[in-house]
N, C-alpha and C. Protein backbone atom coordinates (compact mmCIF):
# COMPACT_ATOMS: atom_id res chain seq x y z
N UNK A 1 -37.23 -26.12 136.48
CA UNK A 1 -37.23 -24.91 136.39
C UNK A 1 -38.35 -24.12 136.85
N UNK A 2 -38.26 -23.19 137.75
CA UNK A 2 -39.53 -22.41 138.27
C UNK A 2 -40.10 -21.59 137.15
N UNK A 3 -41.33 -21.32 137.67
CA UNK A 3 -42.04 -20.60 136.51
C UNK A 3 -41.45 -19.03 136.33
N UNK A 4 -40.87 -18.57 137.62
CA UNK A 4 -40.31 -17.36 137.49
C UNK A 4 -39.00 -17.22 136.63
N UNK A 5 -38.32 -18.33 136.44
CA UNK A 5 -37.25 -18.54 135.64
C UNK A 5 -37.63 -18.10 134.15
N UNK A 6 -38.63 -19.01 133.85
CA UNK A 6 -39.65 -18.83 132.57
C UNK A 6 -39.86 -17.52 132.29
N UNK A 7 -40.46 -16.83 133.30
CA UNK A 7 -41.02 -15.37 132.93
C UNK A 7 -39.94 -14.60 132.79
N UNK A 8 -38.57 -14.42 133.50
CA UNK A 8 -37.53 -13.86 133.11
C UNK A 8 -37.02 -13.83 131.98
N UNK A 9 -37.00 -15.29 131.59
CA UNK A 9 -36.52 -15.62 130.26
C UNK A 9 -37.28 -15.18 129.16
N UNK A 10 -38.59 -15.14 129.37
CA UNK A 10 -39.44 -14.76 128.26
C UNK A 10 -39.36 -12.89 128.04
N UNK A 11 -39.45 -12.46 129.30
CA UNK A 11 -39.18 -11.04 129.31
C UNK A 11 -38.09 -10.50 128.64
N UNK A 12 -36.76 -11.13 129.01
CA UNK A 12 -35.68 -10.82 128.48
C UNK A 12 -35.81 -11.16 127.01
N UNK A 13 -36.15 -12.24 126.56
CA UNK A 13 -36.23 -12.43 125.35
C UNK A 13 -36.95 -11.50 124.30
N UNK A 14 -38.26 -11.13 125.11
CA UNK A 14 -39.18 -10.21 124.31
C UNK A 14 -38.57 -8.72 124.17
N UNK A 15 -37.66 -8.36 125.12
CA UNK A 15 -36.95 -7.10 125.04
C UNK A 15 -35.85 -7.27 124.12
N UNK A 16 -35.25 -8.25 123.96
CA UNK A 16 -34.13 -8.58 122.91
C UNK A 16 -34.60 -8.47 121.45
N UNK A 17 -35.86 -9.20 121.34
CA UNK A 17 -36.37 -9.22 120.07
C UNK A 17 -36.93 -7.90 119.46
N UNK A 18 -37.62 -7.14 120.64
CA UNK A 18 -38.12 -5.80 120.42
C UNK A 18 -36.80 -5.01 119.93
N UNK A 19 -35.84 -4.88 120.80
CA UNK A 19 -34.66 -4.02 120.31
C UNK A 19 -34.13 -4.50 118.79
N UNK A 20 -33.68 -5.78 118.53
CA UNK A 20 -33.31 -6.04 117.31
C UNK A 20 -34.23 -5.66 116.19
N UNK A 21 -35.69 -5.84 116.28
CA UNK A 21 -36.53 -5.32 115.36
C UNK A 21 -36.83 -3.91 115.12
N UNK A 22 -36.51 -3.22 116.24
CA UNK A 22 -36.30 -1.86 116.01
C UNK A 22 -35.17 -1.18 115.38
N UNK A 23 -34.03 -1.93 115.55
CA UNK A 23 -32.62 -1.59 114.92
C UNK A 23 -32.77 -2.07 113.42
N UNK A 24 -33.71 -3.04 113.03
CA UNK A 24 -33.79 -3.36 111.75
C UNK A 24 -34.63 -1.98 111.19
N UNK A 25 -35.35 -1.31 111.74
CA UNK A 25 -36.37 -0.05 111.40
C UNK A 25 -35.59 1.07 111.10
N UNK A 26 -34.73 1.50 112.24
CA UNK A 26 -33.99 2.88 112.37
C UNK A 26 -32.57 2.66 113.08
N UNK A 27 -31.72 3.85 113.01
CA UNK A 27 -30.59 3.74 113.77
C UNK A 27 -30.65 3.49 115.33
N UNK A 28 -29.81 3.02 115.85
CA UNK A 28 -29.82 2.47 117.15
C UNK A 28 -29.94 3.80 118.11
N UNK A 29 -29.39 5.01 117.56
CA UNK A 29 -29.44 6.04 118.32
C UNK A 29 -30.72 6.67 118.61
N UNK A 30 -31.56 6.56 117.40
CA UNK A 30 -32.87 6.77 117.46
C UNK A 30 -33.88 6.12 118.21
N UNK A 31 -33.45 5.14 118.85
CA UNK A 31 -34.54 4.05 119.47
C UNK A 31 -34.32 4.34 121.21
N UNK A 32 -35.46 4.57 121.76
CA UNK A 32 -35.76 4.90 123.12
C UNK A 32 -35.96 3.56 123.90
N UNK A 33 -35.76 3.83 125.17
CA UNK A 33 -36.22 2.77 126.06
C UNK A 33 -37.75 2.69 125.80
N UNK A 34 -38.53 3.66 125.63
CA UNK A 34 -39.87 3.78 125.61
C UNK A 34 -40.25 2.89 124.33
N UNK A 35 -39.54 3.04 123.28
CA UNK A 35 -39.94 2.25 121.82
C UNK A 35 -39.77 0.86 122.27
N UNK A 36 -38.66 0.46 122.90
CA UNK A 36 -38.55 -1.04 123.07
C UNK A 36 -39.45 -1.57 124.07
N UNK A 37 -39.84 -0.98 125.30
CA UNK A 37 -40.90 -1.41 125.86
C UNK A 37 -42.05 -1.58 125.38
N UNK A 38 -42.50 -0.63 124.71
CA UNK A 38 -43.81 -0.62 123.73
C UNK A 38 -43.77 -1.55 122.96
N UNK A 39 -42.78 -1.83 122.12
CA UNK A 39 -42.59 -3.05 121.14
C UNK A 39 -42.81 -4.31 121.71
N UNK A 40 -42.08 -4.37 122.84
CA UNK A 40 -42.22 -5.53 123.87
C UNK A 40 -43.32 -6.06 124.53
N UNK A 41 -44.17 -4.66 124.74
CA UNK A 41 -45.27 -4.83 125.58
C UNK A 41 -44.81 -5.33 127.02
N UNK A 42 -43.91 -4.45 127.54
CA UNK A 42 -43.27 -4.88 128.89
C UNK A 42 -43.49 -3.50 129.47
N UNK A 43 -43.65 -3.54 130.86
CA UNK A 43 -43.65 -2.40 131.76
C UNK A 43 -42.33 -1.67 131.83
N UNK A 44 -42.46 -0.36 132.11
CA UNK A 44 -40.98 0.47 132.41
C UNK A 44 -40.20 -0.26 133.57
N UNK A 45 -40.91 -0.42 134.67
CA UNK A 45 -40.26 -0.99 135.87
C UNK A 45 -39.91 -2.32 135.69
N UNK A 46 -40.60 -3.15 134.93
CA UNK A 46 -40.10 -4.21 134.59
C UNK A 46 -38.47 -4.32 133.76
N UNK A 47 -38.64 -3.31 132.79
CA UNK A 47 -37.40 -3.27 132.03
C UNK A 47 -36.31 -2.84 133.08
N UNK A 48 -36.54 -1.68 133.92
CA UNK A 48 -35.28 -1.54 134.58
C UNK A 48 -35.04 -2.44 135.72
N UNK A 49 -35.95 -3.49 135.98
CA UNK A 49 -35.40 -4.55 136.79
C UNK A 49 -34.41 -5.42 136.24
N UNK A 50 -34.39 -5.51 134.93
CA UNK A 50 -33.47 -6.38 134.16
C UNK A 50 -32.45 -5.56 133.58
N UNK A 51 -32.36 -4.53 133.05
CA UNK A 51 -31.35 -3.54 132.58
C UNK A 51 -31.25 -2.25 133.03
N UNK A 52 -29.99 -1.56 132.68
CA UNK A 52 -29.85 -0.29 133.44
C UNK A 52 -30.37 0.58 132.36
N UNK A 53 -30.13 0.42 131.07
CA UNK A 53 -30.45 1.07 129.82
C UNK A 53 -30.39 0.43 128.69
N UNK A 54 -30.92 1.01 127.44
CA UNK A 54 -30.76 0.25 126.24
C UNK A 54 -29.50 -0.39 125.83
N UNK A 55 -28.47 0.40 126.19
CA UNK A 55 -26.86 -0.13 126.04
C UNK A 55 -26.73 -1.53 126.64
N UNK A 56 -27.30 -1.48 128.00
CA UNK A 56 -27.03 -2.77 128.80
C UNK A 56 -27.84 -3.86 128.20
N UNK A 57 -29.18 -3.55 127.55
CA UNK A 57 -29.99 -4.59 126.88
C UNK A 57 -29.25 -4.97 125.86
N UNK A 58 -28.57 -4.24 124.90
CA UNK A 58 -27.80 -4.81 123.86
C UNK A 58 -26.93 -5.47 124.29
N UNK A 59 -25.94 -5.15 125.02
CA UNK A 59 -24.77 -5.91 125.22
C UNK A 59 -25.12 -7.25 125.96
N UNK A 60 -26.07 -7.44 127.07
CA UNK A 60 -26.47 -8.33 127.79
C UNK A 60 -27.29 -9.35 126.90
N UNK A 61 -28.21 -8.86 126.19
CA UNK A 61 -29.03 -9.66 125.46
C UNK A 61 -28.37 -10.40 124.21
N UNK A 62 -27.46 -9.65 123.79
CA UNK A 62 -26.54 -10.27 122.63
C UNK A 62 -25.66 -11.42 123.36
N UNK A 63 -24.90 -10.99 124.34
CA UNK A 63 -24.14 -12.21 124.86
C UNK A 63 -24.67 -13.42 125.19
N UNK A 64 -26.25 -13.06 126.13
CA UNK A 64 -26.91 -14.27 126.39
C UNK A 64 -27.43 -15.12 125.04
N UNK A 65 -27.75 -14.16 123.91
CA UNK A 65 -28.10 -14.97 122.76
C UNK A 65 -27.00 -16.02 122.47
N UNK A 66 -25.92 -15.21 122.20
CA UNK A 66 -24.63 -16.03 121.66
C UNK A 66 -24.34 -17.40 122.65
N UNK A 67 -24.38 -17.04 123.83
CA UNK A 67 -24.19 -18.21 124.90
C UNK A 67 -24.90 -19.29 124.43
N UNK A 68 -26.36 -19.08 124.45
CA UNK A 68 -27.27 -20.09 123.76
C UNK A 68 -26.90 -20.74 122.84
N UNK A 69 -26.75 -20.02 121.74
CA UNK A 69 -26.32 -20.74 120.35
C UNK A 69 -25.02 -21.62 120.53
N UNK A 70 -24.12 -21.18 121.21
CA UNK A 70 -22.92 -21.89 121.50
C UNK A 70 -23.05 -23.32 122.20
N UNK A 71 -24.08 -23.19 123.13
CA UNK A 71 -24.47 -24.21 124.03
C UNK A 71 -24.94 -25.35 123.18
N UNK A 72 -25.80 -24.90 122.07
CA UNK A 72 -26.60 -25.82 121.34
C UNK A 72 -25.26 -26.48 120.42
N UNK A 73 -24.51 -26.09 120.14
CA UNK A 73 -23.57 -26.60 119.15
C UNK A 73 -23.04 -27.76 119.73
N UNK A 74 -22.66 -28.58 118.95
CA UNK A 74 -21.89 -29.77 119.29
C UNK A 74 -20.25 -29.54 119.23
N UNK A 75 -19.95 -28.48 118.62
CA UNK A 75 -18.40 -27.98 118.61
C UNK A 75 -18.11 -27.43 119.78
N UNK A 76 -17.19 -27.93 120.70
CA UNK A 76 -16.87 -27.61 121.82
C UNK A 76 -15.30 -27.06 121.73
N UNK A 77 -14.71 -26.91 120.93
CA UNK A 77 -13.40 -26.40 120.66
C UNK A 77 -13.27 -25.07 121.18
N UNK A 78 -12.11 -24.33 121.43
CA UNK A 78 -11.76 -23.01 121.84
C UNK A 78 -12.40 -22.08 120.85
N UNK A 79 -12.26 -22.34 119.74
CA UNK A 79 -12.76 -21.36 118.69
C UNK A 79 -14.00 -21.70 118.19
N UNK A 80 -14.90 -22.44 118.87
CA UNK A 80 -16.20 -23.00 118.47
C UNK A 80 -17.18 -21.43 118.41
N UNK A 81 -17.13 -20.56 119.33
CA UNK A 81 -17.77 -19.31 119.13
C UNK A 81 -17.57 -18.51 117.80
N UNK A 82 -16.31 -18.57 117.22
CA UNK A 82 -16.08 -17.93 115.95
C UNK A 82 -16.80 -18.46 114.87
N UNK A 83 -16.82 -19.68 114.95
CA UNK A 83 -17.46 -20.32 113.77
C UNK A 83 -18.99 -20.28 113.77
N UNK A 84 -19.41 -20.26 115.05
CA UNK A 84 -20.82 -20.28 115.29
C UNK A 84 -21.37 -18.82 114.86
N UNK A 85 -20.36 -17.74 115.35
CA UNK A 85 -20.79 -16.39 115.01
C UNK A 85 -20.78 -16.23 113.48
N UNK A 86 -20.02 -16.60 112.84
CA UNK A 86 -19.80 -16.48 111.34
C UNK A 86 -21.07 -17.12 110.77
N UNK A 87 -21.28 -18.48 111.15
CA UNK A 87 -22.56 -18.99 110.54
C UNK A 87 -23.69 -18.41 110.83
N UNK A 88 -24.05 -18.02 112.05
CA UNK A 88 -25.15 -17.07 112.54
C UNK A 88 -25.30 -15.90 111.57
N UNK A 89 -24.16 -15.01 111.33
CA UNK A 89 -24.03 -13.71 110.75
C UNK A 89 -24.58 -14.14 109.13
N UNK A 90 -23.92 -15.25 108.69
CA UNK A 90 -24.40 -15.59 107.40
C UNK A 90 -25.92 -15.79 107.07
N UNK A 91 -26.57 -16.44 108.32
CA UNK A 91 -28.06 -16.94 108.25
C UNK A 91 -28.73 -15.76 108.55
N UNK A 92 -28.38 -14.79 109.20
CA UNK A 92 -29.29 -13.64 109.55
C UNK A 92 -28.55 -12.45 109.28
N UNK A 93 -28.28 -11.91 108.01
CA UNK A 93 -27.40 -10.79 107.65
C UNK A 93 -28.23 -9.51 108.20
N UNK A 94 -29.66 -9.82 108.13
CA UNK A 94 -30.59 -8.57 108.39
C UNK A 94 -30.54 -8.20 109.84
N UNK A 95 -30.17 -9.15 110.77
CA UNK A 95 -30.17 -8.93 111.99
C UNK A 95 -28.63 -8.28 112.47
N UNK A 96 -27.83 -8.85 111.75
CA UNK A 96 -26.31 -8.27 111.94
C UNK A 96 -26.06 -7.00 111.53
N UNK A 97 -26.56 -6.61 110.38
CA UNK A 97 -26.32 -5.19 109.86
C UNK A 97 -26.66 -4.27 110.39
N UNK A 98 -27.63 -4.14 111.40
CA UNK A 98 -27.77 -2.83 112.17
C UNK A 98 -26.91 -2.95 113.48
N UNK A 99 -26.32 -4.07 113.89
CA UNK A 99 -25.41 -4.14 114.73
C UNK A 99 -23.87 -3.79 114.27
N UNK A 100 -23.45 -4.11 113.17
CA UNK A 100 -22.27 -3.88 112.78
C UNK A 100 -22.06 -3.56 111.37
N UNK A 101 -23.14 -3.09 110.62
CA UNK A 101 -22.95 -2.75 109.23
C UNK A 101 -22.73 -1.24 109.10
N UNK A 102 -22.69 -0.91 107.86
CA UNK A 102 -22.40 0.53 107.49
C UNK A 102 -23.30 1.51 108.04
N UNK A 103 -24.73 1.09 108.55
CA UNK A 103 -25.56 2.31 109.16
C UNK A 103 -25.60 1.90 110.48
N UNK A 104 -24.91 1.05 111.00
CA UNK A 104 -24.84 0.90 112.66
C UNK A 104 -24.14 2.09 113.42
N UNK A 105 -24.49 2.30 114.33
CA UNK A 105 -24.01 3.47 115.16
C UNK A 105 -22.60 3.24 116.15
N UNK A 106 -21.87 4.01 116.32
CA UNK A 106 -20.57 3.47 117.17
C UNK A 106 -21.28 2.97 118.45
N UNK A 107 -22.14 3.33 118.85
CA UNK A 107 -22.54 2.79 120.42
C UNK A 107 -22.86 1.33 120.13
N UNK A 108 -23.60 1.01 119.11
CA UNK A 108 -24.18 -0.27 118.86
C UNK A 108 -23.05 -1.24 118.32
N UNK A 109 -22.16 -0.59 117.59
CA UNK A 109 -20.67 -1.36 117.33
C UNK A 109 -20.10 -1.68 118.55
N UNK A 110 -19.69 -0.94 119.33
CA UNK A 110 -18.98 -1.06 120.50
C UNK A 110 -19.58 -2.05 121.46
N UNK A 111 -20.92 -1.87 121.63
CA UNK A 111 -21.82 -2.84 122.36
C UNK A 111 -21.73 -4.22 121.86
N UNK A 112 -21.76 -4.44 120.58
CA UNK A 112 -21.74 -5.78 120.05
C UNK A 112 -20.20 -6.22 120.13
N UNK A 113 -19.29 -5.45 119.95
CA UNK A 113 -17.98 -5.92 119.99
C UNK A 113 -17.49 -6.41 121.52
N UNK A 114 -18.22 -5.46 122.31
CA UNK A 114 -18.07 -5.99 123.90
C UNK A 114 -18.67 -7.43 124.04
N UNK A 115 -19.85 -7.72 123.51
CA UNK A 115 -20.37 -9.10 123.66
C UNK A 115 -19.40 -10.17 123.11
N UNK A 116 -18.98 -9.89 121.84
CA UNK A 116 -18.08 -10.94 121.15
C UNK A 116 -16.81 -11.17 122.26
N UNK A 117 -16.23 -9.91 122.58
CA UNK A 117 -15.16 -9.84 123.66
C UNK A 117 -15.36 -10.92 124.87
N UNK A 118 -16.46 -10.52 125.44
CA UNK A 118 -16.95 -11.41 126.40
C UNK A 118 -16.81 -13.05 126.18
N UNK A 119 -17.63 -13.27 125.15
CA UNK A 119 -17.61 -14.75 124.65
C UNK A 119 -16.08 -15.34 124.46
N UNK A 120 -15.61 -14.53 123.66
CA UNK A 120 -13.92 -15.00 123.48
C UNK A 120 -13.18 -15.24 124.62
N UNK A 121 -13.43 -14.19 125.56
CA UNK A 121 -12.58 -14.32 126.87
C UNK A 121 -12.93 -15.54 127.75
N UNK A 122 -14.35 -15.83 127.51
CA UNK A 122 -14.97 -16.98 128.34
C UNK A 122 -14.33 -18.15 127.96
N UNK A 123 -14.31 -18.35 126.49
CA UNK A 123 -13.66 -19.48 125.74
C UNK A 123 -12.55 -19.77 125.79
N UNK A 124 -11.41 -18.54 125.83
CA UNK A 124 -10.16 -18.51 125.80
C UNK A 124 -9.41 -18.64 127.28
N UNK A 125 -10.40 -18.14 128.33
CA UNK A 125 -10.08 -18.24 129.61
C UNK A 125 -9.07 -16.82 129.74
N UNK A 126 -9.56 -15.84 129.27
CA UNK A 126 -8.54 -14.67 129.56
C UNK A 126 -9.62 -13.46 129.80
N UNK A 127 -9.06 -12.33 130.53
CA UNK A 127 -9.83 -11.21 130.85
C UNK A 127 -10.43 -10.62 129.40
N UNK A 128 -11.72 -10.13 129.65
CA UNK A 128 -12.40 -9.65 128.43
C UNK A 128 -11.43 -8.33 127.90
N UNK A 129 -10.78 -7.63 128.79
CA UNK A 129 -10.17 -6.36 128.30
C UNK A 129 -8.73 -6.71 128.07
N UNK A 130 -8.37 -7.87 128.01
CA UNK A 130 -7.09 -8.42 127.58
C UNK A 130 -6.81 -7.77 126.23
N UNK A 131 -5.62 -7.31 125.77
CA UNK A 131 -5.35 -6.79 124.45
C UNK A 131 -5.40 -7.56 123.35
N UNK A 132 -5.15 -8.86 123.49
CA UNK A 132 -5.43 -10.20 122.49
C UNK A 132 -7.02 -10.12 122.15
N UNK A 133 -7.72 -10.38 123.32
CA UNK A 133 -9.11 -10.08 123.17
C UNK A 133 -9.81 -9.18 122.56
N UNK A 134 -9.28 -7.90 122.87
CA UNK A 134 -9.78 -6.95 122.01
C UNK A 134 -9.51 -6.94 120.44
N UNK A 135 -8.27 -7.28 120.33
CA UNK A 135 -7.84 -7.31 118.91
C UNK A 135 -8.62 -8.51 118.16
N UNK A 136 -8.64 -9.69 118.87
CA UNK A 136 -9.48 -10.67 118.18
C UNK A 136 -11.03 -10.39 117.81
N UNK A 137 -11.67 -9.57 119.02
CA UNK A 137 -12.87 -9.33 118.64
C UNK A 137 -13.31 -8.16 117.82
N UNK A 138 -12.24 -7.11 117.68
CA UNK A 138 -12.45 -6.29 116.43
C UNK A 138 -12.32 -7.03 115.02
N UNK A 139 -11.21 -7.93 115.09
CA UNK A 139 -11.19 -8.57 113.85
C UNK A 139 -12.61 -9.51 113.61
N UNK A 140 -13.07 -9.90 114.35
CA UNK A 140 -14.08 -10.83 114.17
C UNK A 140 -15.43 -9.75 113.71
N UNK A 141 -15.24 -8.67 114.47
CA UNK A 141 -16.31 -7.76 113.77
C UNK A 141 -16.19 -7.44 112.13
N UNK A 142 -14.81 -7.34 111.88
CA UNK A 142 -14.50 -6.78 110.41
C UNK A 142 -14.94 -8.20 109.86
N UNK A 143 -14.80 -9.42 110.15
CA UNK A 143 -15.21 -10.71 109.31
C UNK A 143 -16.79 -10.62 109.20
N UNK A 144 -17.40 -10.43 110.56
CA UNK A 144 -18.81 -10.60 110.37
C UNK A 144 -19.50 -9.46 109.32
N UNK A 145 -18.80 -8.39 109.35
CA UNK A 145 -19.42 -7.22 108.65
C UNK A 145 -19.20 -7.97 107.02
N UNK A 146 -18.06 -8.60 106.74
CA UNK A 146 -17.95 -8.91 105.45
C UNK A 146 -18.74 -10.37 105.08
N UNK A 147 -19.01 -11.09 106.05
CA UNK A 147 -20.13 -12.04 105.89
C UNK A 147 -21.37 -11.62 105.41
N UNK A 148 -21.86 -10.37 106.24
CA UNK A 148 -23.14 -9.79 106.04
C UNK A 148 -23.14 -8.57 104.98
N UNK A 149 -22.22 -8.42 104.16
CA UNK A 149 -22.21 -7.51 103.13
C UNK A 149 -23.45 -7.80 102.07
N UNK A 150 -24.10 -6.76 102.23
CA UNK A 150 -25.41 -7.02 101.25
C UNK A 150 -24.93 -7.12 99.73
N UNK A 151 -23.85 -6.48 99.30
CA UNK A 151 -23.53 -6.67 97.95
C UNK A 151 -22.73 -7.58 97.63
N UNK A 152 -21.80 -8.31 98.38
CA UNK A 152 -20.88 -9.23 98.15
C UNK A 152 -20.48 -10.19 99.55
N UNK A 153 -21.28 -10.81 99.93
CA UNK A 153 -21.17 -11.44 101.16
C UNK A 153 -20.06 -12.41 101.15
N UNK A 154 -19.04 -12.55 102.04
CA UNK A 154 -18.10 -13.65 102.23
C UNK A 154 -18.77 -14.83 102.81
N UNK A 155 -18.32 -15.89 102.28
CA UNK A 155 -18.88 -17.14 102.91
C UNK A 155 -18.32 -17.42 104.42
N UNK A 156 -19.00 -18.15 105.07
CA UNK A 156 -18.63 -18.09 106.58
C UNK A 156 -17.30 -18.88 106.52
N UNK A 157 -17.21 -20.08 105.68
CA UNK A 157 -15.93 -20.67 105.75
C UNK A 157 -14.62 -20.07 105.21
N UNK A 158 -14.93 -19.23 104.23
CA UNK A 158 -13.70 -18.26 103.86
C UNK A 158 -13.40 -17.53 105.11
N UNK A 159 -14.41 -16.85 105.53
CA UNK A 159 -14.14 -15.81 106.87
C UNK A 159 -13.53 -16.70 107.86
N UNK A 160 -13.88 -17.77 108.10
CA UNK A 160 -13.29 -18.68 109.26
C UNK A 160 -11.71 -18.86 108.75
N UNK A 161 -11.38 -18.95 107.52
CA UNK A 161 -9.96 -19.22 107.11
C UNK A 161 -9.17 -18.21 107.37
N UNK A 162 -9.91 -17.10 107.08
CA UNK A 162 -9.05 -15.65 107.29
C UNK A 162 -8.93 -15.42 108.82
N UNK A 163 -9.92 -15.82 109.72
CA UNK A 163 -9.50 -15.69 111.24
C UNK A 163 -8.50 -16.51 111.54
N UNK A 164 -8.58 -17.83 111.17
CA UNK A 164 -7.54 -18.70 111.44
C UNK A 164 -6.06 -18.06 110.91
N UNK A 165 -5.91 -17.45 109.88
CA UNK A 165 -4.87 -16.95 109.28
C UNK A 165 -4.39 -15.50 110.22
N UNK A 166 -5.32 -14.99 110.75
CA UNK A 166 -5.08 -13.78 111.65
C UNK A 166 -4.42 -14.42 113.15
N UNK A 167 -4.97 -15.51 113.36
CA UNK A 167 -4.62 -16.26 114.67
C UNK A 167 -3.32 -17.17 114.50
N UNK A 168 -2.56 -16.95 113.20
CA UNK A 168 -1.59 -17.70 112.96
C UNK A 168 -1.65 -19.07 112.73
N UNK A 169 -2.66 -19.44 112.67
CA UNK A 169 -3.07 -20.93 112.29
C UNK A 169 -3.49 -21.82 113.54
N UNK A 170 -3.70 -21.08 114.63
CA UNK A 170 -3.89 -21.87 115.87
C UNK A 170 -5.52 -21.94 116.17
N UNK A 171 -6.30 -21.44 115.18
CA UNK A 171 -7.73 -21.56 115.44
C UNK A 171 -8.08 -22.67 114.34
N UNK A 172 -7.34 -23.91 114.36
CA UNK A 172 -7.65 -24.73 113.26
C UNK A 172 -8.92 -25.17 113.18
N UNK A 173 -9.54 -25.48 112.05
CA UNK A 173 -11.00 -26.06 112.04
C UNK A 173 -11.31 -27.43 112.52
N UNK A 174 -9.97 -28.15 112.75
CA UNK A 174 -10.46 -29.34 113.40
C UNK A 174 -10.35 -29.27 114.81
N UNK A 175 -10.38 -28.07 115.51
CA UNK A 175 -10.23 -27.93 117.04
C UNK A 175 -11.57 -27.96 117.53
N UNK A 176 -12.60 -29.11 117.14
CA UNK A 176 -13.64 -29.22 117.47
C UNK A 176 -13.82 -30.07 118.75
């Protein structure tokens, strides 16, 4: 791996972490690109060399993060991303709540749902705008919201069972 690849990865990681940290402090709509680059200590031109705007940063960085976590998992079944996302949400509710929780903005919610749709489409070999993928991704957002509920979180295994029921039992847990 070249040093420029490492720099790109470090830059993207710093921007992703900065955006998530800011979202934990205030609403997504109140965050500017200037806020993100200041927090990440990255120049404006560097930001725009990687992303069109903060919405692009949100979708691309969340999708890249999910891909990395899925690649690390030994689970290779077609539904592995669902189990991984549910587990990640349960472990990191403070990160997921600004994305999908009650204080999330419509833009952040749609952006994260888009990331989920991209991941599901890749693993199920369907177009991301397929109605089935859209339906499943919104269902998964609902389950992730339940898993990260600060007052009564649903355990990830229970959420997995509900997702499996939504899929008519085709997302069996032994599809690993």
